[in-house]
Amino acid sequence: MKSLDLAAFFFLSLFAIQFVYSESDKPNILIIFTDDQGYADLGSFGSKENQTPVLDKLAREGTKFTSFYAQPVCGPSRSALLTGRYPVRSKGWSMPASEITFAEMLKEIGYQTACVGKWDVSNRKAIVARMPNAQGFDYYFGALGANDSGKSVLHSNNELVGTTDDMAGLTRLFTDKAVDFLVNQRDSQKPFLLYLSHSMMHTIIDASPKFKKKTGDNLYRGVVEEFDFETGRLLATLKQLGLKENTLVIFTTDNGPWNQPKYYENKKGHPKNSIFWGDAGPLRDGKASIYEGGIRVPCIMRWPGKIPEGKTNDGLMATIDFLPTFASITGAKIPDDRTIDGVNQLDFILGKSKTARASYLYNPGYASVQTRILQGNAIREGDWKLISPLKVGWFLEDAGSGVWELYNLKEDIGETTNLAAKYPQKVKRLKSLLQRSEAK
């Protein structure tokens, strides 16, 4: 071989080795997303009753994020999660085909992408251009909407599978499909993104006989504990396949628990006297509210050797931050033709810096909820939260005082003492910041 040819050979070999290294160095990403789960439903987040050993172990192996935010209700929460954009932009249940999801972003750089479970951003209809396969996911199995009626209409990719009324089997079914993707459909030459969006604990809930027998009248506890067990199967599969070390696992939920008595006392479809709502713990109110119980949600992240183990982090973060953070982790390109409301939180989740988020908007523009649900917005900056005068909505009973409300969340996580009169300058500043943010 001539010297020039030899040099070229070694150069090309080095390039090939580097390329393989770069591809293998990209982490897999697994998002486990539940529905209507309470902030304090897990042992690691304060539950004294629910037995959740799998997720509690996940918390010990990673970091708990205790000031982590979603959106007030389900469809808006999912469009925000997928796009990194507040629902006023990404349109919630009506998310248009023009929105760019993190799946589309990662697919551009070679990720294999899968979505299993509840979609809820195509107006709960089989509108192909707005279904998962058209929004960046190579594979989809799940329900396009919620299970409020005690039924779920299932699709495999764009094909209708049928309707099931086996609510007790949904958590197992979706876990089975996620496991099957990892074992039988995954391309071992590519990193993967798996977005597992469960229907539970959205009412109408149910659990399999084994867990119902264990938990008696507390049906909700049975659902939580079955979810924990099924998550254990999924995480065990990661380990068995040798994927644990290079997989970022994220567990969180879409909004707070559906815990308003006006609603659940009249809800049909549950066993008599059964408990079917979650625990917001120290937080005020629940689903659809912009008090903390509606939008502050449990979050756990594990990435061995990267994310600190056994830590609790109370810095400010939100689901809208996932897209830019994933871009930073993988080298993907963030869409530059639209406003991205999320911020890159990579150093924050790795424990290398404080949060990159100075403030967070709650329900900006009111567009993330229907008018029959609570209307109002709020802003958090540091420990301080300012809430605009609220109006009672559909099933919410706790609709505030009708005046501006100011809380120090570090000292008053339950939002019990309105400090607006005591700190008028703080109100003025946050009100101005909120109004400027709303105008963007």
Protein backbone atom coordinates (compact mmCIF):
# COMPACT_ATOMS: atom_id res chain seq x y z
CA MET A 1 0.00 0.00 0.00
CA LYS A 2 1.37 3.43 -0.92
CA SER A 3 2.08 5.84 1.93
CA LEU A 4 -0.72 8.20 0.80
CA ASP A 5 -3.19 5.34 0.67
CA LEU A 6 -2.04 4.18 4.10
CA ALA A 7 -2.53 7.63 5.57
CA ALA A 8 -5.98 7.85 4.05
CA PHE A 9 -6.85 4.42 5.43
CA PHE A 10 -5.88 5.41 8.96
CA PHE A 11 -7.75 8.71 8.67
CA LEU A 12 -10.93 7.01 7.50
CA SER A 13 -10.58 4.34 10.18
CA LEU A 14 -10.23 7.01 12.86
CA PHE A 15 -13.29 8.82 11.49
CA ALA A 16 -15.31 5.59 11.52
CA ILE A 17 -14.31 4.83 15.10
CA GLN A 18 -15.23 8.35 16.17
CA PHE A 19 -18.61 8.12 14.41
CA VAL A 20 -19.46 4.83 16.10
CA TYR A 21 -18.41 6.28 19.44
CA SER A 22 -20.56 9.36 18.93
CA GLU A 23 -23.64 7.33 18.08
CA SER A 24 -23.18 4.91 20.98
CA ASP A 25 -22.55 7.82 23.34
CA LYS A 26 -26.00 9.25 22.76
CA PRO A 27 -28.20 8.12 25.67
CA ASN A 28 -31.49 6.34 25.32
CA ILE A 29 -34.40 8.32 26.76
CA LEU A 30 -37.36 6.70 28.53
CA ILE A 31 -40.21 8.95 29.68
CA ILE A 32 -42.82 7.36 31.96
CA PHE A 33 -45.79 9.70 32.14
CA THR A 34 -48.85 9.04 34.28
CA ASP A 35 -52.25 10.72 34.33
CA ASP A 36 -53.77 12.67 37.24
CA GLN A 37 -51.30 11.33 39.79
CA GLY A 38 -51.01 13.15 43.09
CA TYR A 39 -47.83 14.86 44.28
CA ALA A 40 -47.75 12.69 47.41
CA ASP A 41 -48.83 9.35 45.92
CA LEU A 42 -45.37 7.77 46.17
CA GLY A 43 -43.52 6.75 49.30
CA SER A 44 -40.55 8.81 48.16
CA PHE A 45 -42.82 11.87 47.94
CA GLY A 46 -44.47 11.38 51.32
CA SER A 47 -47.13 8.67 51.05
CA LYS A 48 -47.51 6.65 54.25
CA GLU A 49 -50.03 4.25 52.71
CA ASN A 50 -49.15 3.47 49.09
CA GLN A 51 -46.43 0.87 48.70
CA THR A 52 -44.21 2.00 45.80
CA PRO A 53 -40.86 0.20 46.17
CA VAL A 54 -39.90 0.41 42.49
CA LEU A 55 -40.27 4.18 42.15
CA ASP A 56 -38.81 4.73 45.60
CA LYS A 57 -35.73 2.77 44.49
CA LEU A 58 -35.62 4.81 41.29
CA ALA A 59 -35.53 7.94 43.47
CA ARG A 60 -32.63 6.51 45.49
CA GLU A 61 -30.76 5.73 42.29
CA GLY A 62 -31.41 9.20 40.87
CA THR A 63 -32.71 12.61 41.88
CA LYS A 64 -36.15 13.74 43.05
CA PHE A 65 -37.25 17.11 41.69
CA THR A 66 -39.70 18.69 44.10
CA SER A 67 -40.47 21.99 42.34
CA PHE A 68 -41.32 20.42 39.02
CA TYR A 69 -44.26 21.70 36.97
CA ALA A 70 -46.61 20.40 34.30
CA GLN A 71 -49.89 22.02 33.12
CA PRO A 72 -53.34 22.11 34.78
CA VAL A 73 -55.02 19.44 32.62
CA CYS A 74 -54.19 16.51 30.35
CA GLY A 75 -54.18 17.53 26.66
CA PRO A 76 -52.44 20.87 27.28
CA SER A 77 -49.93 19.08 29.48
CA ARG A 78 -49.04 16.71 26.67
CA SER A 79 -48.66 19.33 23.96
CA ALA A 80 -46.38 21.31 26.27
CA LEU A 81 -44.32 18.23 27.09
CA LEU A 82 -43.93 17.21 23.45
CA THR A 83 -43.07 20.63 22.02
CA GLY A 84 -41.38 22.65 24.77
CA ARG A 85 -44.06 25.30 24.24
CA TYR A 86 -46.75 26.57 26.58
CA PRO A 87 -50.22 25.34 25.54
CA VAL A 88 -51.22 28.84 24.45
CA ARG A 89 -48.81 28.19 21.58
CA SER A 90 -48.95 24.38 21.18
CA LYS A 91 -52.77 24.33 21.52
CA GLY A 92 -53.28 21.38 23.88
CA TRP A 93 -55.91 18.91 22.66
CA SER A 94 -55.88 20.73 19.30
CA MET A 95 -52.12 20.56 18.71
CA PRO A 96 -51.68 21.21 14.96
CA ALA A 97 -49.58 19.07 12.65
CA SER A 98 -47.20 22.00 12.25
CA GLU A 99 -45.93 21.62 15.83
CA ILE A 100 -42.49 19.98 16.13
CA THR A 101 -42.15 17.37 18.87
CA PHE A 102 -39.02 16.19 20.61
CA ALA A 103 -39.52 12.89 18.73
CA GLU A 104 -39.20 14.70 15.39
CA MET A 105 -36.15 16.53 16.69
CA LEU A 106 -34.40 13.35 17.87
CA LYS A 107 -35.38 11.32 14.82
CA GLU A 108 -33.41 13.82 12.73
CA ILE A 109 -30.19 12.70 14.45
CA GLY A 110 -30.80 8.97 14.21
CA TYR A 111 -32.99 8.09 17.19
CA GLN A 112 -35.54 5.30 16.94
CA THR A 113 -38.74 6.65 18.47
CA ALA A 114 -41.77 4.99 20.04
CA CYS A 115 -44.91 6.20 21.79
CA VAL A 116 -47.12 3.92 23.84
CA GLY A 117 -50.32 4.92 25.63
CA LYS A 118 -52.44 8.05 25.80
CA TRP A 119 -51.83 10.61 23.02
CA ASP A 120 -54.56 13.22 23.62
CA VAL A 121 -53.38 15.99 21.29
CA SER A 122 -55.36 15.19 18.13
CA ASN A 123 -58.73 16.17 19.63
CA ARG A 124 -59.11 12.51 20.61
CA LYS A 125 -59.75 11.68 16.96
CA ALA A 126 -57.95 9.60 14.34
CA ILE A 127 -56.64 12.59 12.41
CA VAL A 128 -53.67 10.95 10.71
CA ALA A 129 -51.64 14.14 10.20
CA ARG A 130 -51.80 14.79 13.94
CA MET A 131 -51.28 11.22 15.20
CA PRO A 132 -47.96 9.97 16.60
CA ASN A 133 -46.55 8.50 13.36
CA ALA A 134 -46.88 11.91 11.72
CA GLN A 135 -45.34 13.66 14.73
CA GLY A 136 -42.00 11.88 14.79
CA PHE A 137 -42.75 8.48 16.30
CA ASP A 138 -41.72 5.39 14.34
CA TYR A 139 -44.06 3.21 16.38
CA TYR A 140 -47.29 3.86 18.25
CA PHE A 141 -49.72 1.77 20.25
CA GLY A 142 -52.34 3.30 22.49
CA ALA A 143 -55.44 5.41 22.91
CA LEU A 144 -55.85 8.76 21.21
CA GLY A 145 -57.93 10.07 24.12
CA ALA A 146 -58.88 9.55 27.73
CA ASN A 147 -60.87 6.77 29.34
CA ASP A 148 -63.53 8.93 31.03
CA SER A 149 -66.31 6.63 29.83
CA GLY A 150 -64.64 3.46 31.06
CA LYS A 151 -63.57 2.57 27.53
CA SER A 152 -60.43 3.08 25.47
CA VAL A 153 -60.24 3.06 21.68
CA LEU A 154 -56.88 1.58 20.73
CA HIS A 155 -54.72 2.15 17.67
CA SER A 156 -51.59 0.40 16.44
CA ASN A 157 -49.74 3.01 14.43
CA ASN A 158 -52.55 4.49 12.31
CA GLU A 159 -54.71 1.37 12.31
CA LEU A 160 -57.74 0.94 14.56
CA VAL A 161 -57.32 -2.09 16.83
CA GLY A 162 -60.64 -1.92 18.66
CA THR A 163 -62.26 -0.79 21.88
CA THR A 164 -61.61 -2.19 25.34
CA ASP A 165 -63.51 -1.71 28.59
CA ASP A 166 -60.82 -3.53 30.58
CA MET A 167 -59.56 -0.54 32.52
CA ALA A 168 -57.87 -2.91 34.97
CA GLY A 169 -55.67 -4.19 32.17
CA LEU A 170 -54.49 -0.92 30.63
CA THR A 171 -51.37 -0.43 32.75
CA ARG A 172 -50.26 -3.98 32.05
CA LEU A 173 -51.14 -3.70 28.34
CA PHE A 174 -49.16 -0.51 27.80
CA THR A 175 -46.22 -1.91 29.77
CA ASP A 176 -46.33 -5.07 27.65
CA LYS A 177 -46.14 -2.95 24.48
CA ALA A 178 -43.24 -0.91 25.86
CA VAL A 179 -41.37 -4.08 26.83
CA ASP A 180 -42.08 -5.58 23.41
CA PHE A 181 -40.61 -2.50 21.74
CA LEU A 182 -37.41 -2.84 23.76
CA VAL A 183 -37.07 -6.59 23.26
CA ASN A 184 -38.37 -7.18 19.74
CA GLN A 185 -38.56 -3.93 17.79
CA ARG A 186 -35.59 -1.90 18.97
CA ASP A 187 -32.73 -1.39 16.56
CA SER A 188 -29.65 -2.08 18.66
CA GLN A 189 -27.59 0.15 16.35
CA LYS A 190 -29.61 3.23 17.25
CA PRO A 191 -30.34 5.12 20.46
CA PHE A 192 -34.03 5.16 21.30
CA LEU A 193 -36.68 7.49 22.67
CA LEU A 194 -39.59 5.69 24.34
CA TYR A 195 -42.48 7.82 25.56
CA LEU A 196 -44.80 5.69 27.71
CA SER A 197 -47.91 7.71 28.53
CA HIS A 198 -50.21 5.74 30.83
CA SER A 199 -53.99 6.23 31.07
CA MET A 200 -53.95 5.61 34.82
CA MET A 201 -54.61 7.24 37.25
CA HIS A 202 -57.17 9.11 35.14
CA THR A 203 -60.68 8.22 36.16
CA ILE A 204 -62.29 5.81 35.42
CA ILE A 205 -59.62 3.80 37.18
CA ASP A 206 -59.35 0.10 37.89
CA ALA A 207 -56.77 -2.42 39.01
CA SER A 208 -56.34 -6.15 38.49
CA PRO A 209 -57.84 -8.54 41.10
CA LYS A 210 -54.49 -9.12 42.81
CA PHE A 211 -54.06 -5.46 43.66
CA LYS A 212 -57.73 -4.78 44.42
CA LYS A 213 -57.74 -7.64 46.89
CA LYS A 214 -54.67 -6.21 48.58
CA THR A 215 -55.95 -2.65 48.91
CA GLY A 216 -59.68 -3.17 49.57
CA ASP A 217 -61.87 -0.08 49.24
CA ASN A 218 -58.90 2.07 48.35
CA LEU A 219 -59.08 1.42 44.61
CA TYR A 220 -56.74 4.29 43.89
CA ARG A 221 -54.03 2.73 46.04
CA GLY A 222 -54.43 -0.49 44.08
CA VAL A 223 -53.91 1.38 40.80
CA VAL A 224 -50.81 3.18 42.12
CA GLU A 225 -49.29 -0.04 43.42
CA GLU A 226 -50.00 -1.92 40.21
CA PHE A 227 -48.42 0.89 38.21
CA ASP A 228 -45.35 0.67 40.44
CA PHE A 229 -45.16 -3.11 39.89
CA GLU A 230 -45.51 -2.77 36.11
CA THR A 231 -42.86 -0.04 36.04
CA GLY A 232 -40.62 -2.54 37.78
CA ARG A 233 -41.08 -4.95 34.86
CA LEU A 234 -40.09 -2.24 32.41
CA LEU A 235 -37.01 -1.15 34.34
CA ALA A 236 -35.97 -4.78 34.80
CA THR A 237 -36.13 -5.19 31.02
CA LEU A 238 -33.76 -2.25 30.59
CA LYS A 239 -31.31 -3.91 32.95
CA GLN A 240 -31.62 -7.35 31.37
CA LEU A 241 -30.91 -5.91 27.94
CA GLY A 242 -27.84 -4.05 29.22
CA LEU A 243 -29.48 -0.67 28.61
CA LYS A 244 -29.70 0.69 32.14
CA GLU A 245 -26.36 2.48 32.24
CA ASN A 246 -26.94 4.53 29.11
CA THR A 247 -30.63 5.32 29.56
CA LEU A 248 -32.03 8.53 31.00
CA VAL A 249 -35.24 7.52 32.79
CA ILE A 250 -37.76 10.24 33.62
CA PHE A 251 -40.89 9.64 35.66
CA THR A 252 -43.52 12.35 36.07
CA THR A 253 -47.22 13.04 35.55
CA ASP A 254 -49.43 15.42 33.60
CA ASN A 255 -51.17 17.35 36.39
CA GLY A 256 -52.38 17.00 39.95
CA PRO A 257 -54.98 14.56 41.30
CA TRP A 258 -58.66 14.75 40.46
CA ASN A 259 -59.55 15.33 44.09
CA GLN A 260 -62.43 17.82 44.03
CA PRO A 261 -65.45 16.44 45.98
CA LYS A 262 -68.03 18.25 43.82
CA TYR A 263 -66.82 16.17 40.89
CA TYR A 264 -65.94 12.76 42.28
CA GLU A 265 -69.03 12.37 44.50
CA ASN A 266 -71.18 12.30 41.35
CA LYS A 267 -68.79 10.38 39.10
CA LYS A 268 -70.24 7.12 37.82
CA GLY A 269 -68.40 3.95 36.91
CA HIS A 270 -66.54 3.15 40.13
CA PRO A 271 -67.29 0.54 42.80
CA LYS A 272 -69.44 1.95 45.58
CA ASN A 273 -67.48 3.65 48.37
CA SER A 274 -64.17 3.18 46.56
CA ILE A 275 -61.46 5.81 46.81
CA PHE A 276 -60.41 6.87 43.34
CA TRP A 277 -58.46 10.09 43.70
CA GLY A 278 -54.86 10.88 44.55
CA ASP A 279 -53.09 12.77 47.30
CA ALA A 280 -51.74 16.27 46.74
CA GLY A 281 -49.96 16.11 50.10
CA PRO A 282 -49.14 19.60 51.39
CA LEU A 283 -50.24 21.27 48.16
CA ARG A 284 -53.47 23.21 47.70
CA ASP A 285 -56.25 21.88 45.43
CA GLY A 286 -55.77 19.50 42.47
CA LYS A 287 -56.29 18.93 38.77
CA ALA A 288 -57.21 21.99 36.66
CA SER A 289 -56.18 24.41 39.39
CA ILE A 290 -53.24 26.79 39.20
CA TYR A 291 -52.69 26.39 42.90
CA GLU A 292 -49.73 24.10 43.48
CA GLY A 293 -51.82 20.93 43.79
CA GLY A 294 -52.90 21.26 40.18
CA ILE A 295 -49.56 21.73 38.49
CA ARG A 296 -46.66 20.86 40.79
CA VAL A 297 -46.05 17.18 40.17
CA PRO A 298 -43.65 14.44 41.30
CA CYS A 299 -40.60 13.95 39.11
CA ILE A 300 -37.73 11.45 39.32
CA MET A 301 -34.78 11.20 36.94
CA ARG A 302 -32.13 8.51 36.78
CA TRP A 303 -29.09 8.41 34.52
CA PRO A 304 -26.36 6.27 36.10
CA GLY A 305 -23.05 8.04 36.50
CA LYS A 306 -24.54 11.33 35.33
CA ILE A 307 -27.47 12.36 37.54
CA PRO A 308 -26.61 12.41 41.27
CA GLU A 309 -27.93 9.47 43.28
CA GLY A 310 -30.22 9.84 46.27
CA LYS A 311 -30.56 13.60 45.97
CA THR A 312 -33.54 15.92 46.30
CA ASN A 313 -33.51 19.07 44.20
CA ASP A 314 -36.03 21.85 44.80
CA GLY A 315 -34.92 24.04 41.90
CA LEU A 316 -37.49 25.20 39.38
CA MET A 317 -38.06 22.98 36.33
CA ALA A 318 -40.96 22.06 34.04
CA THR A 319 -41.96 19.60 31.32
CA ILE A 320 -41.48 22.34 28.71
CA ASP A 321 -37.76 22.17 29.53
CA PHE A 322 -37.40 18.61 28.23
CA LEU A 323 -37.10 19.47 24.53
CA PRO A 324 -34.18 21.93 24.83
CA THR A 325 -32.55 19.72 27.47
CA PHE A 326 -32.76 16.68 25.19
CA ALA A 327 -31.22 18.79 22.42
CA SER A 328 -28.31 19.67 24.69
CA ILE A 329 -27.81 16.03 25.71
CA THR A 330 -27.89 14.63 22.18
CA GLY A 331 -26.63 17.42 19.94
CA ALA A 332 -30.00 17.76 18.23
CA LYS A 333 -31.08 21.05 16.71
CA ILE A 334 -33.82 22.99 18.48
CA PRO A 335 -36.49 24.33 16.09
CA ASP A 336 -35.51 27.94 15.32
CA ASP A 337 -38.64 29.05 13.46
CA ARG A 338 -40.84 29.35 16.56
CA THR A 339 -40.76 30.36 20.21
CA ILE A 340 -39.54 27.62 22.53
CA ASP A 341 -40.60 28.36 26.11
CA GLY A 342 -38.47 25.64 27.66
CA VAL A 343 -34.87 26.19 28.74
CA ASN A 344 -31.86 23.89 28.71
CA GLN A 345 -31.62 22.32 32.17
CA LEU A 346 -28.82 19.81 31.51
CA ASP A 347 -26.35 21.21 34.06
CA PHE A 348 -29.19 21.48 36.56
CA ILE A 349 -30.29 17.85 36.31
CA LEU A 350 -26.65 16.74 36.43
CA GLY A 351 -26.25 18.62 39.69
CA LYS A 352 -23.61 20.95 38.25
CA SER A 353 -25.54 24.20 38.60
CA LYS A 354 -28.69 25.77 39.96
CA THR A 355 -31.79 25.85 37.83
CA ALA A 356 -31.59 27.68 34.52
CA ARG A 357 -35.17 28.86 35.02
CA ALA A 358 -35.63 32.21 36.77
CA SER A 359 -39.42 32.14 36.54
CA TYR A 360 -42.34 30.01 35.43
CA LEU A 361 -45.75 30.94 34.05
CA TYR A 362 -48.84 29.07 35.17
CA ASN A 363 -51.54 28.72 32.52
CA PRO A 364 -50.41 31.66 30.34
CA GLY A 365 -53.04 33.12 28.07
CA TYR A 366 -55.76 30.91 29.56
CA ALA A 367 -55.63 28.98 26.27
CA SER A 368 -54.51 25.75 27.90
CA VAL A 369 -57.89 25.13 29.46
CA GLN A 370 -61.47 25.27 28.32
CA THR A 371 -63.50 28.22 29.57
CA ARG A 372 -65.59 26.00 31.81
CA ILE A 373 -62.47 25.12 33.80
CA LEU A 374 -60.69 27.50 36.14
CA GLN A 375 -59.56 30.70 34.46
CA GLY A 376 -56.61 32.64 35.72
CA ASN A 377 -52.86 32.74 35.51
CA ALA A 378 -49.88 33.09 37.79
CA ILE A 379 -46.13 33.48 37.85
CA ARG A 380 -43.45 32.07 40.10
CA GLU A 381 -40.07 33.71 40.54
CA GLY A 382 -37.76 32.11 43.05
CA ASP A 383 -39.85 31.32 46.13
CA TRP A 384 -42.55 33.86 45.29
CA LYS A 385 -45.78 33.19 43.43
CA LEU A 386 -48.35 35.76 42.29
CA ILE A 387 -51.82 34.60 41.22
CA SER A 388 -54.28 36.73 39.26
CA PRO A 389 -57.88 37.03 40.53
CA LEU A 390 -59.50 33.66 39.86
CA LYS A 391 -62.91 32.63 38.62
CA VAL A 392 -64.61 29.42 39.63
CA GLY A 393 -64.86 26.88 36.84
CA TRP A 394 -66.43 23.57 35.94
CA PHE A 395 -65.78 21.34 38.97
CA LEU A 396 -63.33 23.42 41.00
CA GLU A 397 -64.54 24.57 44.39
CA ASP A 398 -61.38 26.33 45.57
CA ALA A 399 -61.32 29.33 43.26
CA GLY A 400 -59.48 31.78 45.44
CA SER A 401 -60.47 35.13 46.90
CA GLY A 402 -61.13 37.08 43.69
CA VAL A 403 -58.16 39.36 44.33
CA TRP A 404 -54.45 39.18 43.59
CA GLU A 405 -52.76 36.55 45.77
CA LEU A 406 -49.09 36.43 46.75
CA TYR A 407 -47.42 33.47 48.43
CA ASN A 408 -43.93 32.57 49.59
CA LEU A 409 -43.82 28.91 48.62
CA LYS A 410 -40.71 28.16 50.64
CA GLU A 411 -42.45 29.21 53.84
CA ASP A 412 -46.03 28.40 52.81
CA ILE A 413 -46.15 25.53 50.33
CA GLY A 414 -49.88 25.11 50.97
CA GLU A 415 -50.68 28.68 49.85
CA THR A 416 -52.61 29.47 53.01
CA THR A 417 -51.56 33.06 53.74
CA ASN A 418 -52.02 35.75 51.10
CA LEU A 419 -49.14 38.22 51.50
CA ALA A 420 -50.22 40.67 48.79
CA ALA A 421 -51.17 43.43 51.22
CA LYS A 422 -47.93 43.02 53.16
CA TYR A 423 -45.64 43.18 50.11
CA PRO A 424 -47.22 45.60 47.60
CA GLN A 425 -43.92 46.26 45.80
CA LYS A 426 -43.42 42.52 45.27
CA VAL A 427 -46.95 42.33 43.83
CA LYS A 428 -46.26 45.27 41.54
CA ARG A 429 -43.02 43.76 40.24
CA LEU A 430 -44.45 40.28 39.65
CA LYS A 431 -47.62 41.67 38.09
CA SER A 432 -45.47 43.64 35.64
CA LEU A 433 -43.37 40.57 34.89
CA LEU A 434 -46.49 38.48 34.36
CA GLN A 435 -48.02 41.05 32.02
CA ARG A 436 -44.82 41.34 29.97
CA SER A 437 -44.59 37.57 29.72
CA GLU A 438 -48.22 37.29 28.66
CA ALA A 439 -47.63 39.82 25.87
CA LYS A 440 -44.87 37.73 24.24
